[in-house]
Each structure stands twice: as C-alpha cells, then as structure tokens.
C-alpha cells in the first residue's frame, strides 16, 4: 500500500518515526503546503505533537491494519 509520494520523502533533521526510528521528512515541518501523508486515507487521529509523525512505511502499515479491523 505504499504511496509514490511517501516513498520519495527525504530525511530532514528531527523527523524520526516513533514506531521504527527511521528518518523521514514531515512535509508540514519542512514548510510544504501539503504533507505527503495527506495522500493517504484518513484511518485514525493524527498523533499528538509530542508523539511525532509516522514514517511513510509505518503509516502505510498502520492504515492497512486499521482498514483490516474495520472490515
């Protein structure tokens, strides 16, 4: 379920996935008008600011899990 935009997210200092520890770029923190994660379907609430965002791989996995539970 990987997204082409998500796979191209390049690391920016300070963006670390709280789930797997991978470095990635959060578009909102990088100053992009729209973050790459907006291309994914809304499956759950955005994490608290202190929790951090998920990397493209983990976000895709978590969304797939949430969708499987809903079916």
PDB file of N, CA and C in Angstrom:
ATOM      1  N   UNK A   1       0.819  -1.181   0.000  1.00  0.00           N
ATOM      2  CA  UNK A   1       0.000   0.000   0.000  1.00  0.00           C
ATOM      3  C   UNK A   1       0.862   1.244   0.000  1.00  0.00           C
ATOM      4  N   UNK A   2       2.083   1.113  -0.373  1.00  0.00           N
ATOM      5  CA  UNK A   2       2.992   2.253  -0.389  1.00  0.00           C
ATOM      6  C   UNK A   2       2.530   3.278  -1.401  1.00  0.00           C
ATOM      7  N   UNK A   3       2.780   4.531  -1.095  1.00  0.00           N
ATOM      8  CA  UNK A   3       2.376   5.635  -1.946  1.00  0.00           C
ATOM      9  C   UNK A   3       3.610   6.200  -2.606  1.00  0.00           C
ATOM     10  N   UNK A   4       3.567   6.497  -3.883  1.00  0.00           N
ATOM     11  CA  UNK A   4       4.721   7.027  -4.597  1.00  0.00           C
ATOM     12  C   UNK A   4       5.257   8.290  -3.966  1.00  0.00           C
ATOM     13  N   UNK A   5       4.377   9.185  -3.507  1.00  0.00           N
ATOM     14  CA  UNK A   5       4.826  10.401  -2.853  1.00  0.00           C
ATOM     15  C   UNK A   5       5.504  10.107  -1.539  1.00  0.00           C
ATOM     16  N   UNK A   6       4.995   9.152  -0.790  1.00  0.00           N
ATOM     17  CA  UNK A   6       5.554   8.831   0.505  1.00  0.00           C
ATOM     18  C   UNK A   6       6.954   8.249   0.365  1.00  0.00           C
ATOM     19  N   UNK A   7       7.163   7.431  -0.633  1.00  0.00           N
ATOM     20  CA  UNK A   7       8.460   6.803  -0.806  1.00  0.00           C
ATOM     21  C   UNK A   7       9.539   7.827  -1.117  1.00  0.00           C
ATOM     22  N   UNK A   8       9.160   8.972  -1.659  1.00  0.00           N
ATOM     23  CA  UNK A   8      10.160   9.966  -2.012  1.00  0.00           C
ATOM     24  C   UNK A   8      10.437  10.945  -0.874  1.00  0.00           C
ATOM     25  N   UNK A   9       9.809  10.757   0.296  1.00  0.00           N
ATOM     26  CA  UNK A   9      10.041  11.658   1.413  1.00  0.00           C
ATOM     27  C   UNK A   9      11.493  11.547   1.849  1.00  0.00           C
ATOM     28  N   UNK A  10      12.224  12.640   1.753  1.00  0.00           N
ATOM     29  CA  UNK A  10      13.638  12.614   2.116  1.00  0.00           C
ATOM     30  C   UNK A  10      13.814  13.056   3.557  1.00  0.00           C
ATOM     31  N   UNK A  11      14.826  12.513   4.258  1.00  0.00           N
ATOM     32  CA  UNK A  11      15.022  12.832   5.661  1.00  0.00           C
ATOM     33  C   UNK A  11      15.358  14.306   5.886  1.00  0.00           C
ATOM     34  N   UNK A  12      14.795  14.849   6.939  1.00  0.00           N
ATOM     35  CA  UNK A  12      15.109  16.185   7.413  1.00  0.00           C
ATOM     36  C   UNK A  12      15.443  16.027   8.886  1.00  0.00           C
ATOM     37  N   UNK A  13      16.487  16.675   9.346  1.00  0.00           N
ATOM     38  CA  UNK A  13      16.892  16.543  10.741  1.00  0.00           C
ATOM     39  C   UNK A  13      15.705  16.754  11.671  1.00  0.00           C
ATOM     40  N   UNK A  14      15.543  15.866  12.645  1.00  0.00           N
ATOM     41  CA  UNK A  14      14.480  15.981  13.616  1.00  0.00           C
ATOM     42  C   UNK A  14      13.254  15.149  13.308  1.00  0.00           C
ATOM     43  N   UNK A  15      13.132  14.602  12.122  1.00  0.00           N
ATOM     44  CA  UNK A  15      11.986  13.766  11.772  1.00  0.00           C
ATOM     45  C   UNK A  15      12.367  12.297  11.944  1.00  0.00           C
ATOM     46  N   UNK A  16      11.908  11.722  13.053  1.00  0.00           N
ATOM     47  CA  UNK A  16      12.195  10.328  13.354  1.00  0.00           C
ATOM     48  C   UNK A  16      10.891   9.643  13.709  1.00  0.00           C
ATOM     49  N   UNK A  17      10.641   8.529  13.089  1.00  0.00           N
ATOM     50  CA  UNK A  17       9.411   7.778  13.329  1.00  0.00           C
ATOM     51  C   UNK A  17       9.419   7.208  14.752  1.00  0.00           C
ATOM     52  N   UNK A  18       8.359   7.468  15.536  1.00  0.00           N
ATOM     53  CA  UNK A  18       8.310   6.942  16.893  1.00  0.00           C
ATOM     54  C   UNK A  18       8.077   5.430  16.941  1.00  0.00           C
ATOM     55  N   UNK A  19       7.683   4.865  15.810  1.00  0.00           N
ATOM     56  CA  UNK A  19       7.387   3.425  15.764  1.00  0.00           C
ATOM     57  C   UNK A  19       8.622   2.599  15.415  1.00  0.00           C
ATOM     58  N   UNK A  20       9.389   3.050  14.402  1.00  0.00           N
ATOM     59  CA  UNK A  20      10.523   2.243  13.946  1.00  0.00           C
ATOM     60  C   UNK A  20      11.867   2.949  14.040  1.00  0.00           C
ATOM     61  N   UNK A  21      11.850   4.265  14.268  1.00  0.00           N
ATOM     62  CA  UNK A  21      13.095   5.008  14.399  1.00  0.00           C
ATOM     63  C   UNK A  21      13.692   5.497  13.088  1.00  0.00           C
ATOM     64  N   UNK A  22      12.999   5.270  11.976  1.00  0.00           N
ATOM     65  CA  UNK A  22      13.514   5.700  10.667  1.00  0.00           C
ATOM     66  C   UNK A  22      13.463   7.228  10.545  1.00  0.00           C
ATOM     67  N   UNK A  23      14.416   7.771   9.809  1.00  0.00           N
ATOM     68  CA  UNK A  23      14.412   9.200   9.496  1.00  0.00           C
ATOM     69  C   UNK A  23      13.548   9.428   8.264  1.00  0.00           C
ATOM     70  N   UNK A  24      12.785  10.516   8.278  1.00  0.00           N
ATOM     71  CA  UNK A  24      11.939  10.864   7.143  1.00  0.00           C
ATOM     72  C   UNK A  24      11.644  12.346   7.216  1.00  0.00           C
ATOM     73  N   UNK A  25      10.961  12.858   6.218  1.00  0.00           N
ATOM     74  CA  UNK A  25      10.624  14.273   6.172  1.00  0.00           C
ATOM     75  C   UNK A  25       9.130  14.474   6.366  1.00  0.00           C
ATOM     76  N   UNK A  26       8.762  15.206   7.410  1.00  0.00           N
ATOM     77  CA  UNK A  26       7.374  15.614   7.613  1.00  0.00           C
ATOM     78  C   UNK A  26       7.186  16.879   6.791  1.00  0.00           C
ATOM     79  N   UNK A  27       6.311  16.830   5.822  1.00  0.00           N
ATOM     80  CA  UNK A  27       6.107  17.968   4.937  1.00  0.00           C
ATOM     81  C   UNK A  27       5.690  19.236   5.653  1.00  0.00           C
ATOM     82  N   UNK A  28       4.860  19.108   6.664  1.00  0.00           N
ATOM     83  CA  UNK A  28       4.399  20.292   7.396  1.00  0.00           C
ATOM     84  C   UNK A  28       5.562  20.960   8.125  1.00  0.00           C
ATOM     85  N   UNK A  29       6.420  20.160   8.754  1.00  0.00           N
ATOM     86  CA  UNK A  29       7.570  20.739   9.453  1.00  0.00           C
ATOM     87  C   UNK A  29       8.601  21.262   8.471  1.00  0.00           C
ATOM     88  N   UNK A  30       8.622  20.687   7.262  1.00  0.00           N
ATOM     89  CA  UNK A  30       9.573  21.136   6.241  1.00  0.00           C
ATOM     90  C   UNK A  30       9.086  22.388   5.526  1.00  0.00           C
ATOM     91  N   UNK A  31       7.843  22.794   5.812  1.00  0.00           N
ATOM     92  CA  UNK A  31       7.300  24.006   5.207  1.00  0.00           C
ATOM     93  C   UNK A  31       6.533  23.782   3.914  1.00  0.00           C
ATOM     94  N   UNK A  32       6.264  22.499   3.572  1.00  0.00           N
ATOM     95  CA  UNK A  32       5.486  22.215   2.374  1.00  0.00           C
ATOM     96  C   UNK A  32       4.039  22.660   2.581  1.00  0.00           C
ATOM     97  N   UNK A  33       3.383  23.032   1.490  1.00  0.00           N
ATOM     98  CA  UNK A  33       1.983  23.451   1.559  1.00  0.00           C
ATOM     99  C   UNK A  33       1.105  22.283   2.018  1.00  0.00           C
ATOM    100  N   UNK A  34       1.373  21.097   1.501  1.00  0.00           N
ATOM    101  CA  UNK A  34       0.644  19.883   1.863  1.00  0.00           C
ATOM    102  C   UNK A  34       1.665  18.776   2.104  1.00  0.00           C
ATOM    103  N   UNK A  35       1.509  18.078   3.196  1.00  0.00           N
ATOM    104  CA  UNK A  35       2.432  16.986   3.521  1.00  0.00           C
ATOM    105  C   UNK A  35       2.114  15.743   2.678  1.00  0.00           C
ATOM    106  N   UNK A  36       3.110  14.919   2.439  1.00  0.00           N
ATOM    107  CA  UNK A  36       2.944  13.674   1.684  1.00  0.00           C
ATOM    108  C   UNK A  36       1.903  12.773   2.327  1.00  0.00           C
ATOM    109  N   UNK A  37       1.750  12.859   3.647  1.00  0.00           N
ATOM    110  CA  UNK A  37       0.811  11.950   4.322  1.00  0.00           C
ATOM    111  C   UNK A  37      -0.637  12.269   3.987  1.00  0.00           C
ATOM    112  N   UNK A  38      -0.907  13.449   3.467  1.00  0.00           N
ATOM    113  CA  UNK A  38      -2.275  13.823   3.097  1.00  0.00           C
ATOM    114  C   UNK A  38      -2.804  12.968   1.942  1.00  0.00           C
ATOM    115  N   UNK A  39      -1.918  12.294   1.230  1.00  0.00           N
ATOM    116  CA  UNK A  39      -2.335  11.431   0.127  1.00  0.00           C
ATOM    117  C   UNK A  39      -2.915  10.104   0.625  1.00  0.00           C
ATOM    118  N   UNK A  40      -2.687   9.789   1.907  1.00  0.00           N
ATOM    119  CA  UNK A  40      -3.220   8.554   2.485  1.00  0.00           C
ATOM    120  C   UNK A  40      -4.647   8.775   2.963  1.00  0.00           C
ATOM    121  N   UNK A  41      -5.442   7.715   3.002  1.00  0.00           N
ATOM    122  CA  UNK A  41      -6.804   7.869   3.517  1.00  0.00           C
ATOM    123  C   UNK A  41      -6.778   8.105   5.026  1.00  0.00           C
ATOM    124  N   UNK A  42      -7.720   8.891   5.536  1.00  0.00           N
ATOM    125  CA  UNK A  42      -7.766   9.117   6.980  1.00  0.00           C
ATOM    126  C   UNK A  42      -8.239   7.843   7.684  1.00  0.00           C
ATOM    127  N   UNK A  43      -7.367   7.236   8.481  1.00  0.00           N
ATOM    128  CA  UNK A  43      -7.710   5.980   9.140  1.00  0.00           C
ATOM    129  C   UNK A  43      -7.751   6.110  10.655  1.00  0.00           C
ATOM    130  N   UNK A  44      -7.065   7.117  11.177  1.00  0.00           N
ATOM    131  CA  UNK A  44      -7.053   7.327  12.626  1.00  0.00           C
ATOM    132  C   UNK A  44      -6.599   8.754  12.898  1.00  0.00           C
ATOM    133  N   UNK A  45      -6.753   9.177  14.140  1.00  0.00           N
ATOM    134  CA  UNK A  45      -6.400  10.544  14.506  1.00  0.00           C
ATOM    135  C   UNK A  45      -4.891  10.781  14.365  1.00  0.00           C
ATOM    136  N   UNK A  46      -4.542  12.001  14.007  1.00  0.00           N
ATOM    137  CA  UNK A  46      -3.139  12.387  13.913  1.00  0.00           C
ATOM    138  C   UNK A  46      -2.541  12.317  15.316  1.00  0.00           C
ATOM    139  N   UNK A  47      -1.313  11.808  15.449  1.00  0.00           N
ATOM    140  CA  UNK A  47      -0.707  11.711  16.785  1.00  0.00           C
ATOM    141  C   UNK A  47      -0.548  13.086  17.430  1.00  0.00           C
ATOM    142  N   UNK A  48      -0.507  13.102  18.750  1.00  0.00           N
ATOM    143  CA  UNK A  48      -0.229  14.343  19.465  1.00  0.00           C
ATOM    144  C   UNK A  48       1.109  14.899  19.007  1.00  0.00           C
ATOM    145  N   UNK A  49       1.269  16.212  19.086  1.00  0.00           N
ATOM    146  CA  UNK A  49       2.501  16.864  18.641  1.00  0.00           C
ATOM    147  C   UNK A  49       3.729  16.259  19.322  1.00  0.00           C
ATOM    148  N   UNK A  50       3.628  15.883  20.576  1.00  0.00           N
ATOM    149  CA  UNK A  50       4.764  15.304  21.286  1.00  0.00           C
ATOM    150  C   UNK A  50       5.098  13.896  20.845  1.00  0.00           C
ATOM    151  N   UNK A  51       4.123  13.193  20.257  1.00  0.00           N
ATOM    152  CA  UNK A  51       4.332  11.805  19.854  1.00  0.00           C
ATOM    153  C   UNK A  51       5.077  11.701  18.535  1.00  0.00           C
ATOM    154  N   UNK A  52       4.950  12.691  17.676  1.00  0.00           N
ATOM    155  CA  UNK A  52       5.614  12.661  16.383  1.00  0.00           C
ATOM    156  C   UNK A  52       4.781  11.970  15.322  1.00  0.00           C
ATOM    157  N   UNK A  53       5.173  12.165  14.096  1.00  0.00           N
ATOM    158  CA  UNK A  53       4.502  11.560  12.948  1.00  0.00           C
ATOM    159  C   UNK A  53       5.172  10.237  12.604  1.00  0.00           C
ATOM    160  N   UNK A  54       4.446   9.411  11.867  1.00  0.00           N
ATOM    161  CA  UNK A  54       4.988   8.136  11.428  1.00  0.00           C
ATOM    162  C   UNK A  54       5.661   8.282  10.072  1.00  0.00           C
ATOM    163  N   UNK A  55       6.670   7.460   9.818  1.00  0.00           N
ATOM    164  CA  UNK A  55       7.344   7.443   8.521  1.00  0.00           C
ATOM    165  C   UNK A  55       6.393   6.859   7.476  1.00  0.00           C
ATOM    166  N   UNK A  56       6.695   7.026   6.190  1.00  0.00           N
ATOM    167  CA  UNK A  56       5.812   6.502   5.143  1.00  0.00           C
ATOM    168  C   UNK A  56       5.518   5.007   5.277  1.00  0.00           C
ATOM    169  N   UNK A  57       6.517   4.221   5.606  1.00  0.00           N
ATOM    170  CA  UNK A  57       6.319   2.773   5.717  1.00  0.00           C
ATOM    171  C   UNK A  57       5.393   2.432   6.872  1.00  0.00           C
ATOM    172  N   UNK A  58       5.668   3.002   8.048  1.00  0.00           N
ATOM    173  CA  UNK A  58       4.839   2.706   9.216  1.00  0.00           C
ATOM    174  C   UNK A  58       3.422   3.243   9.037  1.00  0.00           C
ATOM    175  N   UNK A  59       3.283   4.428   8.460  1.00  0.00           N
ATOM    176  CA  UNK A  59       1.946   4.979   8.247  1.00  0.00           C
ATOM    177  C   UNK A  59       1.133   4.070   7.337  1.00  0.00           C
ATOM    178  N   UNK A  60       1.734   3.594   6.267  1.00  0.00           N
ATOM    179  CA  UNK A  60       1.031   2.686   5.354  1.00  0.00           C
ATOM    180  C   UNK A  60       0.630   1.395   6.073  1.00  0.00           C
ATOM    181  N   UNK A  61       1.522   0.852   6.909  1.00  0.00           N
ATOM    182  CA  UNK A  61       1.216  -0.376   7.646  1.00  0.00           C
ATOM    183  C   UNK A  61       0.091  -0.148   8.658  1.00  0.00           C
ATOM    184  N   UNK A  62       0.140   0.973   9.381  1.00  0.00           N
ATOM    185  CA  UNK A  62      -0.880   1.264  10.375  1.00  0.00           C
ATOM    186  C   UNK A  62      -2.252   1.502   9.729  1.00  0.00           C
ATOM    187  N   UNK A  63      -2.253   2.155   8.597  1.00  0.00           N
ATOM    188  CA  UNK A  63      -3.524   2.371   7.884  1.00  0.00           C
ATOM    189  C   UNK A  63      -4.086   1.044   7.390  1.00  0.00           C
ATOM    190  N   UNK A  64      -3.239   0.183   6.861  1.00  0.00           N
ATOM    191  CA  UNK A  64      -3.690  -1.131   6.396  1.00  0.00           C
ATOM    192  C   UNK A  64      -4.264  -1.934   7.559  1.00  0.00           C
ATOM    193  N   UNK A  65      -3.631  -1.869   8.718  1.00  0.00           N
ATOM    194  CA  UNK A  65      -4.146  -2.572   9.904  1.00  0.00           C
ATOM    195  C   UNK A  65      -5.494  -2.015  10.331  1.00  0.00           C
ATOM    196  N   UNK A  66      -5.617  -0.688  10.352  1.00  0.00           N
ATOM    197  CA  UNK A  66      -6.878  -0.053  10.750  1.00  0.00           C
ATOM    198  C   UNK A  66      -7.989  -0.412   9.767  1.00  0.00           C
ATOM    199  N   UNK A  67      -7.682  -0.449   8.471  1.00  0.00           N
ATOM    200  CA  UNK A  67      -8.686  -0.792   7.469  1.00  0.00           C
ATOM    201  C   UNK A  67      -9.104  -2.256   7.597  1.00  0.00           C
ATOM    202  N   UNK A  68      -8.162  -3.146   7.927  1.00  0.00           N
ATOM    203  CA  UNK A  68      -8.481  -4.569   8.077  1.00  0.00           C
ATOM    204  C   UNK A  68      -9.418  -4.777   9.262  1.00  0.00           C
ATOM    205  N   UNK A  69      -9.214  -4.010  10.337  1.00  0.00           N
ATOM    206  CA  UNK A  69     -10.055  -4.125  11.513  1.00  0.00           C
ATOM    207  C   UNK A  69     -11.478  -3.643  11.203  1.00  0.00           C
ATOM    208  N   UNK A  70     -11.588  -2.616  10.373  1.00  0.00           N
ATOM    209  CA  UNK A  70     -12.892  -2.057  10.046  1.00  0.00           C
ATOM    210  C   UNK A  70     -13.713  -2.957   9.128  1.00  0.00           C
ATOM    211  N   UNK A  71     -13.070  -3.896   8.477  1.00  0.00           N
ATOM    212  CA  UNK A  71     -13.786  -4.767   7.520  1.00  0.00           C
ATOM    213  C   UNK A  71     -14.391  -5.947   8.179  1.00  0.00           C
TER     214      UNK A  71
END
